[in-house]
Amino acid sequence: LSVSYYLAKNGFNVVRFDCTNHVGESDGEMVNTTLRGFKEDLTSTLDYIEQTFGTHRVGIVSSSLAKRVAIKAATEDKRIALIVGLVGIVDLRGTLQAVYRKDMIGECLEGKRWGVTDVLGFEVSGRFLETAIADRYHDLETTKEDMKKLNIPVVFLVAENDAWVRLDQVKVVVESTKSSLAKMLVIPEALHRLEENPRSTRIALRQIVTSCLKYLQYISTNIDAVKEPSLRE
């Protein structure tokens, strides 16, 4: 919601949605969530925007694993003109290893079938890992593959002290794209959970706005010029 408020205050039309089978107001149970479902929800949201507003050029602002989904969707849907990712995960396999100290993806590739298990704080079925592998979301190499297919601006806002996402891996992903429009911006002193540092959150929100202004409205500005919504608004 904070992202939506900041963008709306600075002249953008914003559609915010909750994925099905996830937290929020959409239908379904968290245990059934998959990245495949994330992408289908994103695509149907783009359909809604096009049918309702006649818009064919949309920027996507996403965070964590949703950033990975946005990259995949952009390889298939030309309506996506910009991706801005907040602490976006680029190596699901590595992130899960960092969190759980075991190679969940590797074990799945070797034939292990997971039941309901914790993935980044949520109880999900084994289909989450299986479909992530089948749809090629699961490691750094698949992210690089998708990035090579893109020729749109892709902005990575990374947290300096992120224990889940390695900065050197984000840099490798940025350098793998054929587009010179891929950028990595580091948010100083920040963790993966940005909300734990209000100053980092404020910087990130302003960077999101300046990136959208630059690549969707072709307006260059610095973060100090970004309008802030008031709490009363």
C-alpha atoms as a PDB file:
ATOM      1  CA  LEU A   1       0.000   0.000   0.000  1.00  0.00           C
ATOM      2  CA  SER A   2       2.864   2.388   0.715  1.00  0.00           C
ATOM      3  CA  VAL A   3       4.196   1.859  -2.809  1.00  0.00           C
ATOM      4  CA  SER A   4       0.744   2.554  -4.243  1.00  0.00           C
ATOM      5  CA  TYR A   5       0.356   5.766  -2.219  1.00  0.00           C
ATOM      6  CA  TYR A   6       3.750   7.067  -3.281  1.00  0.00           C
ATOM      7  CA  LEU A   7       3.135   6.350  -6.964  1.00  0.00           C
ATOM      8  CA  ALA A   8      -0.376   7.815  -6.911  1.00  0.00           C
ATOM      9  CA  LYS A   9       0.889  10.962  -5.170  1.00  0.00           C
ATOM     10  CA  ASN A  10       3.403  11.383  -7.997  1.00  0.00           C
ATOM     11  CA  GLY A  11       0.914  11.100 -10.850  1.00  0.00           C
ATOM     12  CA  PHE A  12       0.629   7.400 -11.612  1.00  0.00           C
ATOM     13  CA  ASN A  13      -2.448   5.226 -11.965  1.00  0.00           C
ATOM     14  CA  VAL A  14      -1.944   2.161  -9.782  1.00  0.00           C
ATOM     15  CA  VAL A  15      -3.634  -1.237  -9.719  1.00  0.00           C
ATOM     16  CA  ARG A  16      -2.719  -3.238  -6.604  1.00  0.00           C
ATOM     17  CA  PHE A  17      -3.806  -6.864  -6.332  1.00  0.00           C
ATOM     18  CA  ASP A  18      -3.465  -9.853  -4.033  1.00  0.00           C
ATOM     19  CA  CYS A  19      -2.460 -13.154  -5.605  1.00  0.00           C
ATOM     20  CA  THR A  20      -4.821 -16.108  -5.268  1.00  0.00           C
ATOM     21  CA  ASN A  21      -3.735 -18.821  -2.831  1.00  0.00           C
ATOM     22  CA  HIS A  22      -1.795 -16.253  -0.838  1.00  0.00           C
ATOM     23  CA  VAL A  23      -2.176 -13.752   1.987  1.00  0.00           C
ATOM     24  CA  GLY A  24      -4.632 -10.932   1.350  1.00  0.00           C
ATOM     25  CA  GLU A  25      -8.217 -10.735   0.142  1.00  0.00           C
ATOM     26  CA  SER A  26      -8.093 -13.067  -2.872  1.00  0.00           C
ATOM     27  CA  ASP A  27      -9.551 -16.574  -2.947  1.00  0.00           C
ATOM     28  CA  GLY A  28      -7.698 -19.789  -2.205  1.00  0.00           C
ATOM     29  CA  GLU A  29      -5.486 -21.328   0.468  1.00  0.00           C
ATOM     30  CA  MET A  30      -1.818 -20.521   1.065  1.00  0.00           C
ATOM     31  CA  VAL A  31      -0.879 -24.189   0.983  1.00  0.00           C
ATOM     32  CA  ASN A  32      -1.753 -24.270  -2.739  1.00  0.00           C
ATOM     33  CA  THR A  33       0.408 -21.318  -3.764  1.00  0.00           C
ATOM     34  CA  THR A  34       2.832 -21.674  -6.704  1.00  0.00           C
ATOM     35  CA  LEU A  35       4.914 -19.278  -8.757  1.00  0.00           C
ATOM     36  CA  ARG A  36       2.953 -20.516 -11.772  1.00  0.00           C
ATOM     37  CA  GLY A  37      -0.180 -19.196 -10.091  1.00  0.00           C
ATOM     38  CA  PHE A  38       1.543 -15.870  -9.354  1.00  0.00           C
ATOM     39  CA  LYS A  39       2.298 -15.426 -13.052  1.00  0.00           C
ATOM     40  CA  GLU A  40      -1.240 -16.333 -14.116  1.00  0.00           C
ATOM     41  CA  ASP A  41      -2.625 -13.762 -11.673  1.00  0.00           C
ATOM     42  CA  LEU A  42      -0.255 -11.106 -12.992  1.00  0.00           C
ATOM     43  CA  THR A  43      -1.222 -11.860 -16.598  1.00  0.00           C
ATOM     44  CA  SER A  44      -4.924 -11.696 -15.820  1.00  0.00           C
ATOM     45  CA  THR A  45      -4.383  -8.382 -14.058  1.00  0.00           C
ATOM     46  CA  LEU A  46      -2.731  -7.063 -17.225  1.00  0.00           C
ATOM     47  CA  ASP A  47      -5.776  -8.320 -19.168  1.00  0.00           C
ATOM     48  CA  TYR A  48      -8.052  -6.433 -16.783  1.00  0.00           C
ATOM     49  CA  ILE A  49      -6.049  -3.218 -17.176  1.00  0.00           C
ATOM     50  CA  GLU A  50      -6.112  -3.482 -20.968  1.00  0.00           C
ATOM     51  CA  GLN A  51      -9.833  -4.272 -21.146  1.00  0.00           C
ATOM     52  CA  THR A  52     -10.852  -1.636 -18.595  1.00  0.00           C
ATOM     53  CA  PHE A  53      -8.506   1.238 -19.423  1.00  0.00           C
ATOM     54  CA  GLY A  54      -7.227   0.419 -22.912  1.00  0.00           C
ATOM     55  CA  THR A  55      -3.656   0.535 -21.636  1.00  0.00           C
ATOM     56  CA  HIS A  56      -1.017  -1.542 -23.417  1.00  0.00           C
ATOM     57  CA  ARG A  57       2.073  -0.319 -21.552  1.00  0.00           C
ATOM     58  CA  VAL A  58       2.396  -1.180 -17.888  1.00  0.00           C
ATOM     59  CA  GLY A  59       5.159  -0.996 -15.300  1.00  0.00           C
ATOM     60  CA  ILE A  60       5.377  -3.716 -12.649  1.00  0.00           C
ATOM     61  CA  VAL A  61       6.560  -2.981  -9.104  1.00  0.00           C
ATOM     62  CA  SER A  62       7.140  -6.171  -7.158  1.00  0.00           C
ATOM     63  CA  SER A  63       9.137  -7.477  -4.219  1.00  0.00           C
ATOM     64  CA  SER A  64      10.978 -10.619  -3.149  1.00  0.00           C
ATOM     65  CA  LEU A  65       9.803 -13.703  -5.096  1.00  0.00           C
ATOM     66  CA  ALA A  66       7.186 -11.707  -7.006  1.00  0.00           C
ATOM     67  CA  LYS A  67      10.071  -9.929  -8.760  1.00  0.00           C
ATOM     68  CA  ARG A  68      11.194 -13.275 -10.168  1.00  0.00           C
ATOM     69  CA  VAL A  69       7.663 -13.898 -11.419  1.00  0.00           C
ATOM     70  CA  ALA A  70       7.548 -10.470 -13.085  1.00  0.00           C
ATOM     71  CA  ILE A  71      10.766 -11.236 -14.980  1.00  0.00           C
ATOM     72  CA  LYS A  72       9.300 -14.517 -16.239  1.00  0.00           C
ATOM     73  CA  ALA A  73       6.047 -12.829 -17.242  1.00  0.00           C
ATOM     74  CA  ALA A  74       7.900 -10.113 -19.158  1.00  0.00           C
ATOM     75  CA  THR A  75       9.565 -12.742 -21.364  1.00  0.00           C
ATOM     76  CA  GLU A  76       6.079 -13.705 -22.557  1.00  0.00           C
ATOM     77  CA  ASP A  77       3.998 -10.512 -22.346  1.00  0.00           C
ATOM     78  CA  LYS A  78       5.035  -7.411 -24.280  1.00  0.00           C
ATOM     79  CA  ARG A  79       2.636  -5.182 -22.347  1.00  0.00           C
ATOM     80  CA  ILE A  80       5.192  -5.086 -19.533  1.00  0.00           C
ATOM     81  CA  ALA A  81       7.342  -2.021 -20.257  1.00  0.00           C
ATOM     82  CA  LEU A  82       9.224  -1.773 -16.944  1.00  0.00           C
ATOM     83  CA  ILE A  83      10.012  -3.938 -13.935  1.00  0.00           C
ATOM     84  CA  VAL A  84      11.063  -2.379 -10.643  1.00  0.00           C
ATOM     85  CA  GLY A  85      11.954  -4.992  -8.059  1.00  0.00           C
ATOM     86  CA  LEU A  86      12.334  -4.454  -4.345  1.00  0.00           C
ATOM     87  CA  VAL A  87      14.738  -6.940  -2.691  1.00  0.00           C
ATOM     88  CA  GLY A  88      13.979  -9.278  -5.581  1.00  0.00           C
ATOM     89  CA  ILE A  89      15.076 -12.906  -5.235  1.00  0.00           C
ATOM     90  CA  VAL A  90      17.194 -13.977  -8.218  1.00  0.00           C
ATOM     91  CA  ASP A  91      18.298 -17.420  -6.994  1.00  0.00           C
ATOM     92  CA  LEU A  92      15.484 -19.310  -5.267  1.00  0.00           C
ATOM     93  CA  ARG A  93      17.723 -22.305  -4.648  1.00  0.00           C
ATOM     94  CA  GLY A  94      20.405 -20.185  -2.988  1.00  0.00           C
ATOM     95  CA  THR A  95      17.901 -18.199  -0.954  1.00  0.00           C
ATOM     96  CA  LEU A  96      16.293 -21.333   0.446  1.00  0.00           C
ATOM     97  CA  GLN A  97      19.747 -22.693   1.291  1.00  0.00           C
ATOM     98  CA  ALA A  98      20.603 -19.463   3.112  1.00  0.00           C
ATOM     99  CA  VAL A  99      17.382 -19.578   5.135  1.00  0.00           C
ATOM    100  CA  TYR A 100      17.121 -23.294   5.933  1.00  0.00           C
ATOM    101  CA  ARG A 101      20.748 -24.466   5.672  1.00  0.00           C
ATOM    102  CA  LYS A 102      19.739 -27.273   3.317  1.00  0.00           C
ATOM    103  CA  ASP A 103      19.397 -27.585  -0.450  1.00  0.00           C
ATOM    104  CA  MET A 104      15.644 -28.046  -0.802  1.00  0.00           C
ATOM    105  CA  ILE A 105      15.698 -27.503  -4.575  1.00  0.00           C
ATOM    106  CA  GLY A 106      18.672 -29.842  -4.980  1.00  0.00           C
ATOM    107  CA  GLU A 107      16.914 -32.579  -3.012  1.00  0.00           C
ATOM    108  CA  CYS A 108      13.812 -32.101  -5.141  1.00  0.00           C
ATOM    109  CA  LEU A 109      15.913 -32.389  -8.320  1.00  0.00           C
ATOM    110  CA  GLU A 110      17.317 -35.648  -6.962  1.00  0.00           C
ATOM    111  CA  GLY A 111      13.834 -37.092  -6.586  1.00  0.00           C
ATOM    112  CA  LYS A 112      12.733 -36.176  -3.064  1.00  0.00           C
ATOM    113  CA  ARG A 113       9.050 -35.321  -2.850  1.00  0.00           C
ATOM    114  CA  TRP A 114       8.208 -32.726  -0.249  1.00  0.00           C
ATOM    115  CA  GLY A 115       4.941 -32.646   1.625  1.00  0.00           C
ATOM    116  CA  VAL A 116       3.591 -29.487   3.232  1.00  0.00           C
ATOM    117  CA  THR A 117       6.648 -27.508   4.305  1.00  0.00           C
ATOM    118  CA  ASP A 118       7.720 -24.011   5.285  1.00  0.00           C
ATOM    119  CA  VAL A 119       8.967 -21.865   2.405  1.00  0.00           C
ATOM    120  CA  LEU A 120      10.021 -18.344   3.403  1.00  0.00           C
ATOM    121  CA  GLY A 121       7.619 -18.271   6.310  1.00  0.00           C
ATOM    122  CA  PHE A 122       4.588 -19.882   4.664  1.00  0.00           C
ATOM    123  CA  GLU A 123       3.297 -23.458   4.790  1.00  0.00           C
ATOM    124  CA  VAL A 124       3.012 -24.649   1.162  1.00  0.00           C
ATOM    125  CA  SER A 125       2.634 -28.001  -0.560  1.00  0.00           C
ATOM    126  CA  GLY A 126       5.463 -29.787  -2.329  1.00  0.00           C
ATOM    127  CA  ARG A 127       4.002 -28.594  -5.627  1.00  0.00           C
ATOM    128  CA  PHE A 128       5.557 -25.204  -4.956  1.00  0.00           C
ATOM    129  CA  LEU A 129       9.090 -26.574  -5.407  1.00  0.00           C
ATOM    130  CA  GLU A 130       8.151 -29.037  -8.147  1.00  0.00           C
ATOM    131  CA  THR A 131       6.436 -26.451 -10.350  1.00  0.00           C
ATOM    132  CA  ALA A 132       9.183 -23.887  -9.679  1.00  0.00           C
ATOM    133  CA  ILE A 133      11.641 -26.365 -11.182  1.00  0.00           C
ATOM    134  CA  ALA A 134       9.339 -27.414 -14.033  1.00  0.00           C
ATOM    135  CA  ASP A 135       8.700 -23.772 -15.005  1.00  0.00           C
ATOM    136  CA  ARG A 136      12.385 -22.809 -14.595  1.00  0.00           C
ATOM    137  CA  TYR A 137      12.193 -20.338 -11.734  1.00  0.00           C
ATOM    138  CA  HIS A 138      14.426 -22.288  -9.424  1.00  0.00           C
ATOM    139  CA  ASP A 139      18.028 -21.052  -9.646  1.00  0.00           C
ATOM    140  CA  LEU A 140      20.395 -18.315 -10.769  1.00  0.00           C
ATOM    141  CA  GLU A 141      20.901 -19.772 -14.251  1.00  0.00           C
ATOM    142  CA  THR A 142      17.181 -19.749 -15.056  1.00  0.00           C
ATOM    143  CA  THR A 143      16.964 -16.100 -13.984  1.00  0.00           C
ATOM    144  CA  LYS A 144      19.879 -15.244 -16.266  1.00  0.00           C
ATOM    145  CA  GLU A 145      18.157 -17.117 -19.108  1.00  0.00           C
ATOM    146  CA  ASP A 146      15.021 -15.017 -18.707  1.00  0.00           C
ATOM    147  CA  MET A 147      16.916 -11.748 -18.359  1.00  0.00           C
ATOM    148  CA  LYS A 148      18.690 -12.404 -21.665  1.00  0.00           C
ATOM    149  CA  LYS A 149      15.276 -12.445 -23.373  1.00  0.00           C
ATOM    150  CA  LEU A 150      14.324  -8.966 -22.131  1.00  0.00           C
ATOM    151  CA  ASN A 151      14.887  -5.626 -23.765  1.00  0.00           C
ATOM    152  CA  ILE A 152      13.057  -3.417 -21.259  1.00  0.00           C
ATOM    153  CA  PRO A 153      14.227  -1.481 -18.192  1.00  0.00           C
ATOM    154  CA  VAL A 154      14.640  -3.781 -15.180  1.00  0.00           C
ATOM    155  CA  VAL A 155      15.586  -2.055 -11.920  1.00  0.00           C
ATOM    156  CA  PHE A 156      16.855  -4.076  -8.954  1.00  0.00           C
ATOM    157  CA  LEU A 157      16.589  -2.257  -5.619  1.00  0.00           C
ATOM    158  CA  VAL A 158      18.762  -4.388  -3.352  1.00  0.00           C
ATOM    159  CA  ALA A 159      19.304  -4.203   0.402  1.00  0.00           C
ATOM    160  CA  GLU A 160      22.915  -3.739   1.421  1.00  0.00           C
ATOM    161  CA  ASN A 161      22.666  -6.242   4.291  1.00  0.00           C
ATOM    162  CA  ASP A 162      20.241  -8.724   2.731  1.00  0.00           C
ATOM    163  CA  ALA A 163      20.904 -12.220   4.100  1.00  0.00           C
ATOM    164  CA  TRP A 164      18.567 -13.799   1.532  1.00  0.00           C
ATOM    165  CA  VAL A 165      19.806 -12.149  -1.678  1.00  0.00           C
ATOM    166  CA  ARG A 166      23.507 -11.874  -2.488  1.00  0.00           C
ATOM    167  CA  LEU A 167      24.474  -8.589  -4.133  1.00  0.00           C
ATOM    168  CA  ASP A 168      27.101 -10.255  -6.312  1.00  0.00           C
ATOM    169  CA  GLN A 169      24.437 -12.557  -7.767  1.00  0.00           C
ATOM    170  CA  VAL A 170      22.152  -9.622  -8.564  1.00  0.00           C
ATOM    171  CA  LYS A 171      25.084  -7.973 -10.308  1.00  0.00           C
ATOM    172  CA  VAL A 172      25.639 -11.117 -12.405  1.00  0.00           C
ATOM    173  CA  VAL A 173      21.958 -11.144 -13.386  1.00  0.00           C
ATOM    174  CA  VAL A 174      22.042  -7.461 -14.351  1.00  0.00           C
ATOM    175  CA  GLU A 175      25.125  -8.027 -16.480  1.00  0.00           C
ATOM    176  CA  SER A 176      23.536 -11.031 -18.209  1.00  0.00           C
ATOM    177  CA  THR A 177      20.860  -8.984 -19.968  1.00  0.00           C
ATOM    178  CA  LYS A 178      21.323  -7.691 -23.483  1.00  0.00           C
ATOM    179  CA  SER A 179      19.647  -4.444 -22.429  1.00  0.00           C
ATOM    180  CA  SER A 180      21.752  -1.601 -21.092  1.00  0.00           C
ATOM    181  CA  LEU A 181      18.628  -0.537 -19.204  1.00  0.00           C
ATOM    182  CA  ALA A 182      19.060  -3.104 -16.423  1.00  0.00           C
ATOM    183  CA  LYS A 183      20.184  -1.358 -13.232  1.00  0.00           C
ATOM    184  CA  MET A 184      21.116  -2.293  -9.675  1.00  0.00           C
ATOM    185  CA  LEU A 185      20.600   0.295  -6.934  1.00  0.00           C
ATOM    186  CA  VAL A 186      21.780  -0.476  -3.401  1.00  0.00           C
ATOM    187  CA  ILE A 187      19.715   0.677  -0.409  1.00  0.00           C
ATOM    188  CA  PRO A 188      22.258   1.369   2.352  1.00  0.00           C
ATOM    189  CA  GLU A 189      22.014  -0.351   5.737  1.00  0.00           C
ATOM    190  CA  ALA A 190      18.862  -2.215   4.697  1.00  0.00           C
ATOM    191  CA  LEU A 191      17.802  -5.817   5.358  1.00  0.00           C
ATOM    192  CA  HIS A 192      15.524  -8.029   3.223  1.00  0.00           C
ATOM    193  CA  ARG A 193      12.623  -6.922   5.408  1.00  0.00           C
ATOM    194  CA  LEU A 194      12.878  -3.238   4.634  1.00  0.00           C
ATOM    195  CA  GLU A 195      10.140  -2.269   7.070  1.00  0.00           C
ATOM    196  CA  GLU A 196      12.558  -2.932   9.917  1.00  0.00           C
ATOM    197  CA  ASN A 197      14.397   0.266   8.949  1.00  0.00           C
ATOM    198  CA  PRO A 198      12.072   3.239   8.269  1.00  0.00           C
ATOM    199  CA  ARG A 199      14.866   5.284   6.692  1.00  0.00           C
ATOM    200  CA  SER A 200      15.681   2.490   4.231  1.00  0.00           C
ATOM    201  CA  THR A 201      11.999   2.089   3.427  1.00  0.00           C
ATOM    202  CA  ARG A 202      11.682   5.791   2.634  1.00  0.00           C
ATOM    203  CA  ILE A 203      14.721   5.678   0.332  1.00  0.00           C
ATOM    204  CA  ALA A 204      13.350   2.602  -1.440  1.00  0.00           C
ATOM    205  CA  LEU A 205       9.926   4.177  -1.992  1.00  0.00           C
ATOM    206  CA  ARG A 206      11.515   7.284  -3.456  1.00  0.00           C
ATOM    207  CA  GLN A 207      13.752   5.181  -5.723  1.00  0.00           C
ATOM    208  CA  ILE A 208      10.692   3.307  -6.992  1.00  0.00           C
ATOM    209  CA  VAL A 209       9.007   6.577  -7.920  1.00  0.00           C
ATOM    210  CA  THR A 210      12.079   8.026  -9.660  1.00  0.00           C
ATOM    211  CA  SER A 211      12.548   4.802 -11.643  1.00  0.00           C
ATOM    212  CA  CYS A 212       8.918   4.829 -12.789  1.00  0.00           C
ATOM    213  CA  LEU A 213       9.121   8.514 -13.700  1.00  0.00           C
ATOM    214  CA  LYS A 214      12.281   7.913 -15.711  1.00  0.00           C
ATOM    215  CA  TYR A 215      11.203   4.848 -17.661  1.00  0.00           C
ATOM    216  CA  LEU A 216       7.425   5.328 -17.996  1.00  0.00           C
ATOM    217  CA  GLN A 217       7.094   9.122 -18.230  1.00  0.00           C
ATOM    218  CA  TYR A 218      10.664   9.920 -19.361  1.00  0.00           C
ATOM    219  CA  ILE A 219      11.122  12.423 -16.527  1.00  0.00           C
ATOM    220  CA  SER A 220      14.489  12.495 -14.801  1.00  0.00           C
ATOM    221  CA  THR A 221      14.475  13.630 -11.196  1.00  0.00           C
ATOM    222  CA  ASN A 222      16.268  12.907  -7.933  1.00  0.00           C
ATOM    223  CA  ILE A 223      14.764  11.260  -4.903  1.00  0.00           C
ATOM    224  CA  ASP A 224      14.565  14.542  -2.992  1.00  0.00           C
ATOM    225  CA  ALA A 225      12.018  15.842  -5.531  1.00  0.00           C
ATOM    226  CA  VAL A 226       9.601  12.951  -4.934  1.00  0.00           C
ATOM    227  CA  LYS A 227       6.293  13.997  -3.349  1.00  0.00           C
ATOM    228  CA  GLU A 228       5.451  12.175  -0.138  1.00  0.00           C
ATOM    229  CA  PRO A 229       1.868  11.271   0.747  1.00  0.00           C
ATOM    230  CA  SER A 230       0.787  12.391   4.170  1.00  0.00           C
ATOM    231  CA  LEU A 231      -0.485   9.912   6.726  1.00  0.00           C
ATOM    232  CA  ARG A 232      -3.816  11.785   6.763  1.00  0.00           C
ATOM    233  CA  GLU A 233      -4.192  11.184   3.013  1.00  0.00           C
END
